[in-house]
Amino acid sequence: VVNDRSTNIDYTSSDGRVNKLRMEKKKVDAGCTSTFLNETKIARLEEVGFSWGSNKGDPRWNEHYQELVEFKRMNGHCNVPTGGIL
């Protein structure tokens, strides 16, 4: 698949796919339901050893996570515009 029309993701690069999955997982962790990633898909990825990254101890990651949680609280969704500032 070169482009997933349901998510408009370019899958020609594995880096793009991995980064998108990690971003979507962050949305799931923040309580968003408007993502293509669900608990079943998360479990399947974890079964094969997918790494969600090790940035959770990073203060900047935590800061951005809290910004996403606040964005969802204020807007009711996690669809931050591309290039958008939380």
Protein backbone atom coordinates (compact mmCIF):
# COMPACT_ATOMS: atom_id res chain seq x y z
CA VAL A 1 0.00 0.00 0.00
CA VAL A 2 1.48 3.32 -1.01
CA ASN A 3 -1.21 5.58 0.39
CA ASP A 4 -3.97 4.65 2.82
CA ARG A 5 -6.92 6.78 1.70
CA SER A 6 -8.72 6.40 5.04
CA THR A 7 -5.85 8.06 6.91
CA ASN A 8 -4.00 9.81 4.07
CA ILE A 9 -0.70 8.30 5.23
CA ASP A 10 2.16 7.80 2.83
CA TYR A 11 3.46 4.30 3.49
CA THR A 12 6.35 4.46 1.06
CA SER A 13 8.66 5.08 4.01
CA SER A 14 8.68 2.82 7.05
CA ASP A 15 9.74 5.81 9.17
CA GLY A 16 6.54 7.60 8.22
CA ARG A 17 4.43 4.62 9.16
CA VAL A 18 6.20 4.10 12.50
CA ASN A 19 5.94 7.76 13.43
CA LYS A 20 2.25 7.82 12.49
CA LEU A 21 1.57 4.73 14.62
CA ARG A 22 3.34 6.32 17.57
CA MET A 23 1.38 9.55 17.16
CA GLU A 24 -1.88 7.64 16.97
CA LYS A 25 -0.96 5.64 20.11
CA LYS A 26 -0.39 8.93 21.90
CA LYS A 27 -3.92 9.94 20.94
CA VAL A 28 -5.31 6.63 22.24
CA ASP A 29 -3.41 7.12 25.51
CA ALA A 30 -4.97 10.58 25.80
CA GLY A 31 -8.44 9.05 25.48
CA CYS A 32 -9.19 9.95 21.87
CA THR A 33 -11.43 7.71 19.87
CA SER A 34 -11.00 9.50 16.53
CA THR A 35 -8.04 7.41 15.43
CA PHE A 36 -7.65 4.38 13.19
CA LEU A 37 -5.59 2.69 15.91
CA ASN A 38 -7.62 0.65 18.37
CA GLU A 39 -6.83 -1.69 21.26
CA THR A 40 -6.87 -4.76 19.00
CA LYS A 41 -4.34 -3.24 16.62
CA ILE A 42 -2.20 -2.04 19.54
CA ALA A 43 -2.19 -5.55 21.01
CA ARG A 44 -1.23 -7.08 17.67
CA LEU A 45 1.66 -4.64 17.26
CA GLU A 46 2.85 -5.33 20.80
CA GLU A 47 2.68 -9.10 20.17
CA VAL A 48 5.34 -8.70 17.48
CA GLY A 49 7.47 -6.45 19.68
CA PHE A 50 6.60 -3.04 18.23
CA SER A 51 8.31 -0.32 20.23
CA TRP A 52 6.19 2.67 21.14
CA GLY A 53 9.39 4.54 21.91
CA SER A 54 11.10 5.32 25.15
CA ASN A 55 10.32 9.02 25.39
CA LYS A 56 7.78 8.76 28.19
CA GLY A 57 10.45 9.66 30.75
CA ASP A 58 11.41 12.69 28.68
CA PRO A 59 10.01 15.90 30.24
CA ARG A 60 9.23 17.32 26.77
CA TRP A 61 7.20 14.21 25.88
CA ASN A 62 5.21 14.56 29.09
CA GLU A 63 4.68 18.26 28.41
CA HIS A 64 3.37 17.61 24.90
CA TYR A 65 1.22 14.76 26.16
CA GLN A 66 -0.39 17.08 28.70
CA GLU A 67 -0.94 19.65 25.95
CA LEU A 68 -2.73 16.99 23.89
CA VAL A 69 -4.91 16.05 26.88
CA GLU A 70 -5.80 19.73 27.37
CA PHE A 71 -6.50 20.16 23.63
CA LYS A 72 -8.93 17.23 23.80
CA ARG A 73 -10.60 18.65 26.90
CA MET A 74 -11.14 22.00 25.20
CA ASN A 75 -12.04 20.73 21.71
CA GLY A 76 -13.58 17.33 22.34
CA HIS A 77 -11.19 15.59 19.90
CA CYS A 78 -7.50 15.01 19.23
CA ASN A 79 -7.43 16.03 15.58
CA VAL A 80 -4.79 18.72 15.95
CA PRO A 81 -4.36 20.47 12.60
CA THR A 82 -1.14 19.66 10.75
CA GLY A 83 1.46 22.10 11.97
CA GLY A 84 -0.99 23.08 14.67
CA ILE A 85 0.15 24.28 18.02
CA LEU A 86 -1.46 22.60 20.96
